[in-house]
Amino acid sequence: MTITKDMTIGQILDLDPSTATFFMQMGMHCLGCPASRGESVEDACAVHGVSVNELLDKLNAHVAGK
């Protein structure tokens, strides 16, 4: 599985709940909010001023190691 910038946060959390840690580390503390679950990774990163590529690298390294 490869996580892409177009995937929603909800899709990623449903595939692997342990990825929540990486969102939290990047300052995305609103994971329980229904609106955030429908937000794409790219949009969430833009709102939070976070590098989408940095987050994707961390998420994909994590899921590849499972």
PDB file of N, CA and C in Angstrom:
ATOM      1  N   MET A   1       0.846  -1.178   0.000  1.00  0.00           N
ATOM      2  CA  MET A   1       0.000   0.000   0.000  1.00  0.00           C
ATOM      3  C   MET A   1       0.892   1.242   0.000  1.00  0.00           C
ATOM      4  N   THR A   2       0.547   2.197  -0.840  1.00  0.00           N
ATOM      5  CA  THR A   2       1.245   3.475  -0.878  1.00  0.00           C
ATOM      6  C   THR A   2       0.242   4.562  -0.550  1.00  0.00           C
ATOM      7  N   ILE A   3       0.588   5.394   0.397  1.00  0.00           N
ATOM      8  CA  ILE A   3      -0.261   6.518   0.788  1.00  0.00           C
ATOM      9  C   ILE A   3       0.068   7.686  -0.131  1.00  0.00           C
ATOM     10  N   THR A   4      -0.975   8.296  -0.682  1.00  0.00           N
ATOM     11  CA  THR A   4      -0.796   9.418  -1.600  1.00  0.00           C
ATOM     12  C   THR A   4      -1.428  10.678  -1.028  1.00  0.00           C
ATOM     13  N   LYS A   5      -1.061  11.809  -1.607  1.00  0.00           N
ATOM     14  CA  LYS A   5      -1.570  13.101  -1.129  1.00  0.00           C
ATOM     15  C   LYS A   5      -3.062  13.266  -1.368  1.00  0.00           C
ATOM     16  N   ASP A   6      -3.633  12.463  -2.263  1.00  0.00           N
ATOM     17  CA  ASP A   6      -5.052  12.563  -2.573  1.00  0.00           C
ATOM     18  C   ASP A   6      -5.926  11.733  -1.636  1.00  0.00           C
ATOM     19  N   MET A   7      -5.317  10.852  -0.868  1.00  0.00           N
ATOM     20  CA  MET A   7      -6.087  10.032   0.072  1.00  0.00           C
ATOM     21  C   MET A   7      -6.592  10.901   1.212  1.00  0.00           C
ATOM     22  N   THR A   8      -7.744  10.527   1.748  1.00  0.00           N
ATOM     23  CA  THR A   8      -8.259  11.278   2.892  1.00  0.00           C
ATOM     24  C   THR A   8      -7.618  10.752   4.174  1.00  0.00           C
ATOM     25  N   ILE A   9      -7.626  11.594   5.174  1.00  0.00           N
ATOM     26  CA  ILE A   9      -7.091  11.190   6.472  1.00  0.00           C
ATOM     27  C   ILE A   9      -7.876   9.994   6.992  1.00  0.00           C
ATOM     28  N   GLY A  10      -9.185   9.998   6.792  1.00  0.00           N
ATOM     29  CA  GLY A  10     -10.017   8.883   7.232  1.00  0.00           C
ATOM     30  C   GLY A  10      -9.633   7.572   6.572  1.00  0.00           C
ATOM     31  N   GLN A  11      -9.351   7.604   5.277  1.00  0.00           N
ATOM     32  CA  GLN A  11      -8.936   6.386   4.571  1.00  0.00           C
ATOM     33  C   GLN A  11      -7.648   5.832   5.166  1.00  0.00           C
ATOM     34  N   ILE A  12      -6.722   6.712   5.447  1.00  0.00           N
ATOM     35  CA  ILE A  12      -5.422   6.289   5.979  1.00  0.00           C
ATOM     36  C   ILE A  12      -5.585   5.712   7.381  1.00  0.00           C
ATOM     37  N   LEU A  13      -6.359   6.391   8.222  1.00  0.00           N
ATOM     38  CA  LEU A  13      -6.570   5.905   9.582  1.00  0.00           C
ATOM     39  C   LEU A  13      -7.326   4.581   9.585  1.00  0.00           C
ATOM     40  N   ASP A  14      -8.251   4.402   8.656  1.00  0.00           N
ATOM     41  CA  ASP A  14      -8.980   3.135   8.567  1.00  0.00           C
ATOM     42  C   ASP A  14      -8.049   1.994   8.138  1.00  0.00           C
ATOM     43  N   LEU A  15      -7.117   2.283   7.230  1.00  0.00           N
ATOM     44  CA  LEU A  15      -6.168   1.271   6.776  1.00  0.00           C
ATOM     45  C   LEU A  15      -5.163   0.907   7.863  1.00  0.00           C
ATOM     46  N   ASP A  16      -4.731   1.923   8.626  1.00  0.00           N
ATOM     47  CA  ASP A  16      -3.726   1.694   9.666  1.00  0.00           C
ATOM     48  C   ASP A  16      -3.874   2.751  10.757  1.00  0.00           C
ATOM     49  N   PRO A  17      -4.620   2.433  11.820  1.00  0.00           N
ATOM     50  CA  PRO A  17      -4.834   3.398  12.900  1.00  0.00           C
ATOM     51  C   PRO A  17      -3.555   3.906  13.557  1.00  0.00           C
ATOM     52  N   SER A  18      -2.471   3.129  13.478  1.00  0.00           N
ATOM     53  CA  SER A  18      -1.218   3.563  14.113  1.00  0.00           C
ATOM     54  C   SER A  18      -0.580   4.752  13.407  1.00  0.00           C
ATOM     55  N   THR A  19      -1.087   5.123  12.219  1.00  0.00           N
ATOM     56  CA  THR A  19      -0.555   6.293  11.525  1.00  0.00           C
ATOM     57  C   THR A  19      -0.958   7.598  12.216  1.00  0.00           C
ATOM     58  N   ALA A  20      -1.922   7.538  13.115  1.00  0.00           N
ATOM     59  CA  ALA A  20      -2.373   8.739  13.831  1.00  0.00           C
ATOM     60  C   ALA A  20      -1.206   9.454  14.502  1.00  0.00           C
ATOM     61  N   THR A  21      -0.253   8.701  14.988  1.00  0.00           N
ATOM     62  CA  THR A  21       0.924   9.270  15.654  1.00  0.00           C
ATOM     63  C   THR A  21       1.641  10.269  14.752  1.00  0.00           C
ATOM     64  N   PHE A  22       1.757   9.945  13.478  1.00  0.00           N
ATOM     65  CA  PHE A  22       2.493  10.804  12.554  1.00  0.00           C
ATOM     66  C   PHE A  22       1.737  12.094  12.258  1.00  0.00           C
ATOM     67  N   PHE A  23       0.408  11.999  12.176  1.00  0.00           N
ATOM     68  CA  PHE A  23      -0.397  13.211  12.006  1.00  0.00           C
ATOM     69  C   PHE A  23      -0.253  14.106  13.234  1.00  0.00           C
ATOM     70  N   MET A  24      -0.293  13.497  14.414  1.00  0.00           N
ATOM     71  CA  MET A  24      -0.181  14.256  15.663  1.00  0.00           C
ATOM     72  C   MET A  24       1.193  14.934  15.766  1.00  0.00           C
ATOM     73  N   GLN A  25       2.250  14.229  15.371  1.00  0.00           N
ATOM     74  CA  GLN A  25       3.599  14.791  15.422  1.00  0.00           C
ATOM     75  C   GLN A  25       3.728  16.012  14.512  1.00  0.00           C
ATOM     76  N   MET A  26       2.947  16.046  13.452  1.00  0.00           N
ATOM     77  CA  MET A  26       3.002  17.164  12.502  1.00  0.00           C
ATOM     78  C   MET A  26       2.062  18.301  12.918  1.00  0.00           C
ATOM     79  N   GLY A  27       1.414  18.171  14.078  1.00  0.00           N
ATOM     80  CA  GLY A  27       0.552  19.235  14.578  1.00  0.00           C
ATOM     81  C   GLY A  27      -0.912  19.104  14.199  1.00  0.00           C
ATOM     82  N   MET A  28      -1.279  17.968  13.635  1.00  0.00           N
ATOM     83  CA  MET A  28      -2.675  17.745  13.239  1.00  0.00           C
ATOM     84  C   MET A  28      -3.394  17.012  14.373  1.00  0.00           C
ATOM     85  N   HIS A  29      -3.871  17.779  15.350  1.00  0.00           N
ATOM     86  CA  HIS A  29      -4.460  17.206  16.553  1.00  0.00           C
ATOM     87  C   HIS A  29      -5.972  17.030  16.455  1.00  0.00           C
ATOM     88  N   CYS A  30      -6.561  17.309  15.315  1.00  0.00           N
ATOM     89  CA  CYS A  30      -8.012  17.264  15.174  1.00  0.00           C
ATOM     90  C   CYS A  30      -8.486  15.996  14.460  1.00  0.00           C
ATOM     91  N   LEU A  31      -7.806  14.899  14.670  1.00  0.00           N
ATOM     92  CA  LEU A  31      -8.120  13.671  13.946  1.00  0.00           C
ATOM     93  C   LEU A  31      -9.500  13.125  14.272  1.00  0.00           C
ATOM     94  N   GLY A  32     -10.031  13.448  15.429  1.00  0.00           N
ATOM     95  CA  GLY A  32     -11.356  12.969  15.804  1.00  0.00           C
ATOM     96  C   GLY A  32     -12.481  13.781  15.194  1.00  0.00           C
ATOM     97  N   CYS A  33     -12.169  14.909  14.635  1.00  0.00           N
ATOM     98  CA  CYS A  33     -13.178  15.784  14.037  1.00  0.00           C
ATOM     99  C   CYS A  33     -13.696  15.151  12.743  1.00  0.00           C
ATOM    100  N   PRO A  34     -15.004  15.049  12.586  1.00  0.00           N
ATOM    101  CA  PRO A  34     -15.555  14.441  11.365  1.00  0.00           C
ATOM    102  C   PRO A  34     -15.076  15.125  10.082  1.00  0.00           C
ATOM    103  N   ALA A  35     -14.881  16.421  10.111  1.00  0.00           N
ATOM    104  CA  ALA A  35     -14.441  17.139   8.914  1.00  0.00           C
ATOM    105  C   ALA A  35     -13.026  16.734   8.518  1.00  0.00           C
ATOM    106  N   SER A  36     -12.171  16.490   9.488  1.00  0.00           N
ATOM    107  CA  SER A  36     -10.783  16.150   9.165  1.00  0.00           C
ATOM    108  C   SER A  36     -10.681  14.789   8.488  1.00  0.00           C
ATOM    109  N   ARG A  37     -11.572  13.884   8.808  1.00  0.00           N
ATOM    110  CA  ARG A  37     -11.529  12.551   8.202  1.00  0.00           C
ATOM    111  C   ARG A  37     -11.769  12.596   6.696  1.00  0.00           C
ATOM    112  N   GLY A  38     -12.496  13.605   6.226  1.00  0.00           N
ATOM    113  CA  GLY A  38     -12.777  13.726   4.807  1.00  0.00           C
ATOM    114  C   GLY A  38     -11.799  14.598   4.050  1.00  0.00           C
ATOM    115  N   GLU A  39     -10.840  15.139   4.775  1.00  0.00           N
ATOM    116  CA  GLU A  39      -9.858  16.046   4.179  1.00  0.00           C
ATOM    117  C   GLU A  39      -8.717  15.244   3.561  1.00  0.00           C
ATOM    118  N   SER A  40      -8.258  15.667   2.403  1.00  0.00           N
ATOM    119  CA  SER A  40      -7.115  14.987   1.796  1.00  0.00           C
ATOM    120  C   SER A  40      -5.847  15.337   2.575  1.00  0.00           C
ATOM    121  N   VAL A  41      -4.862  14.476   2.452  1.00  0.00           N
ATOM    122  CA  VAL A  41      -3.578  14.739   3.113  1.00  0.00           C
ATOM    123  C   VAL A  41      -3.005  16.065   2.610  1.00  0.00           C
ATOM    124  N   GLU A  42      -3.107  16.292   1.320  1.00  0.00           N
ATOM    125  CA  GLU A  42      -2.576  17.529   0.744  1.00  0.00           C
ATOM    126  C   GLU A  42      -3.264  18.760   1.329  1.00  0.00           C
ATOM    127  N   ASP A  43      -4.593  18.729   1.419  1.00  0.00           N
ATOM    128  CA  ASP A  43      -5.332  19.865   1.973  1.00  0.00           C
ATOM    129  C   ASP A  43      -5.013  20.075   3.447  1.00  0.00           C
ATOM    130  N   ALA A  44      -4.940  18.992   4.206  1.00  0.00           N
ATOM    131  CA  ALA A  44      -4.638  19.093   5.633  1.00  0.00           C
ATOM    132  C   ALA A  44      -3.255  19.690   5.856  1.00  0.00           C
ATOM    133  N   CYS A  45      -2.299  19.266   5.061  1.00  0.00           N
ATOM    134  CA  CYS A  45      -0.945  19.802   5.185  1.00  0.00           C
ATOM    135  C   CYS A  45      -0.915  21.291   4.853  1.00  0.00           C
ATOM    136  N   ALA A  46      -1.663  21.692   3.831  1.00  0.00           N
ATOM    137  CA  ALA A  46      -1.704  23.105   3.453  1.00  0.00           C
ATOM    138  C   ALA A  46      -2.294  23.952   4.579  1.00  0.00           C
ATOM    139  N   VAL A  47      -3.355  23.463   5.189  1.00  0.00           N
ATOM    140  CA  VAL A  47      -4.012  24.198   6.276  1.00  0.00           C
ATOM    141  C   VAL A  47      -3.081  24.328   7.482  1.00  0.00           C
ATOM    142  N   HIS A  48      -2.312  23.276   7.755  1.00  0.00           N
ATOM    143  CA  HIS A  48      -1.452  23.263   8.941  1.00  0.00           C
ATOM    144  C   HIS A  48      -0.030  23.740   8.666  1.00  0.00           C
ATOM    145  N   GLY A  49       0.261  24.124   7.428  1.00  0.00           N
ATOM    146  CA  GLY A  49       1.591  24.621   7.101  1.00  0.00           C
ATOM    147  C   GLY A  49       2.667  23.555   7.207  1.00  0.00           C
ATOM    148  N   VAL A  50       2.317  22.344   6.817  1.00  0.00           N
ATOM    149  CA  VAL A  50       3.207  21.198   6.927  1.00  0.00           C
ATOM    150  C   VAL A  50       3.564  20.714   5.525  1.00  0.00           C
ATOM    151  N   SER A  51       4.764  20.212   5.361  1.00  0.00           N
ATOM    152  CA  SER A  51       5.197  19.673   4.077  1.00  0.00           C
ATOM    153  C   SER A  51       4.488  18.349   3.801  1.00  0.00           C
ATOM    154  N   VAL A  52       3.717  18.310   2.721  1.00  0.00           N
ATOM    155  CA  VAL A  52       3.004  17.079   2.364  1.00  0.00           C
ATOM    156  C   VAL A  52       3.996  15.969   2.046  1.00  0.00           C
ATOM    157  N   ASN A  53       5.093  16.297   1.402  1.00  0.00           N
ATOM    158  CA  ASN A  53       6.088  15.275   1.054  1.00  0.00           C
ATOM    159  C   ASN A  53       6.756  14.694   2.296  1.00  0.00           C
ATOM    160  N   GLU A  54       7.020  15.534   3.281  1.00  0.00           N
ATOM    161  CA  GLU A  54       7.628  15.050   4.530  1.00  0.00           C
ATOM    162  C   GLU A  54       6.683  14.083   5.236  1.00  0.00           C
ATOM    163  N   LEU A  55       5.409  14.445   5.318  1.00  0.00           N
ATOM    164  CA  LEU A  55       4.441  13.574   5.976  1.00  0.00           C
ATOM    165  C   LEU A  55       4.267  12.271   5.202  1.00  0.00           C
ATOM    166  N   LEU A  56       4.154  12.358   3.885  1.00  0.00           N
ATOM    167  CA  LEU A  56       3.996  11.145   3.071  1.00  0.00           C
ATOM    168  C   LEU A  56       5.202  10.220   3.219  1.00  0.00           C
ATOM    169  N   ASP A  57       6.392  10.790   3.274  1.00  0.00           N
ATOM    170  CA  ASP A  57       7.599   9.975   3.463  1.00  0.00           C
ATOM    171  C   ASP A  57       7.524   9.197   4.777  1.00  0.00           C
ATOM    172  N   LYS A  58       7.111   9.880   5.841  1.00  0.00           N
ATOM    173  CA  LYS A  58       7.009   9.227   7.160  1.00  0.00           C
ATOM    174  C   LYS A  58       5.930   8.149   7.154  1.00  0.00           C
ATOM    175  N   LEU A  59       4.761   8.489   6.607  1.00  0.00           N
ATOM    176  CA  LEU A  59       3.663   7.528   6.588  1.00  0.00           C
ATOM    177  C   LEU A  59       4.007   6.299   5.761  1.00  0.00           C
ATOM    178  N   ASN A  60       4.574   6.516   4.583  1.00  0.00           N
ATOM    179  CA  ASN A  60       4.894   5.384   3.709  1.00  0.00           C
ATOM    180  C   ASN A  60       6.030   4.522   4.269  1.00  0.00           C
ATOM    181  N   ALA A  61       6.993   5.138   4.934  1.00  0.00           N
ATOM    182  CA  ALA A  61       8.053   4.354   5.578  1.00  0.00           C
ATOM    183  C   ALA A  61       7.465   3.494   6.693  1.00  0.00           C
ATOM    184  N   HIS A  62       6.511   4.052   7.414  1.00  0.00           N
ATOM    185  CA  HIS A  62       5.865   3.324   8.515  1.00  0.00           C
ATOM    186  C   HIS A  62       5.078   2.121   7.982  1.00  0.00           C
ATOM    187  N   VAL A  63       4.238   2.345   6.994  1.00  0.00           N
ATOM    188  CA  VAL A  63       3.423   1.227   6.503  1.00  0.00           C
ATOM    189  C   VAL A  63       4.269   0.194   5.744  1.00  0.00           C
ATOM    190  N   ALA A  64       5.368   0.614   5.157  1.00  0.00           N
ATOM    191  CA  ALA A  64       6.245  -0.335   4.453  1.00  0.00           C
ATOM    192  C   ALA A  64       6.951  -1.251   5.437  1.00  0.00           C
ATOM    193  N   GLY A  65       7.164  -0.748   6.651  1.00  0.00           N
ATOM    194  CA  GLY A  65       7.866  -1.527   7.661  1.00  0.00           C
ATOM    195  C   GLY A  65       6.989  -2.535   8.377  1.00  0.00           C
ATOM    196  N   LYS A  66       5.724  -2.592   8.037  1.00  0.00           N
ATOM    197  CA  LYS A  66       4.800  -3.525   8.707  1.00  0.00           C
ATOM    198  C   LYS A  66       4.774  -4.860   8.028  1.00  0.00           C
TER     199      LYS A  66
END
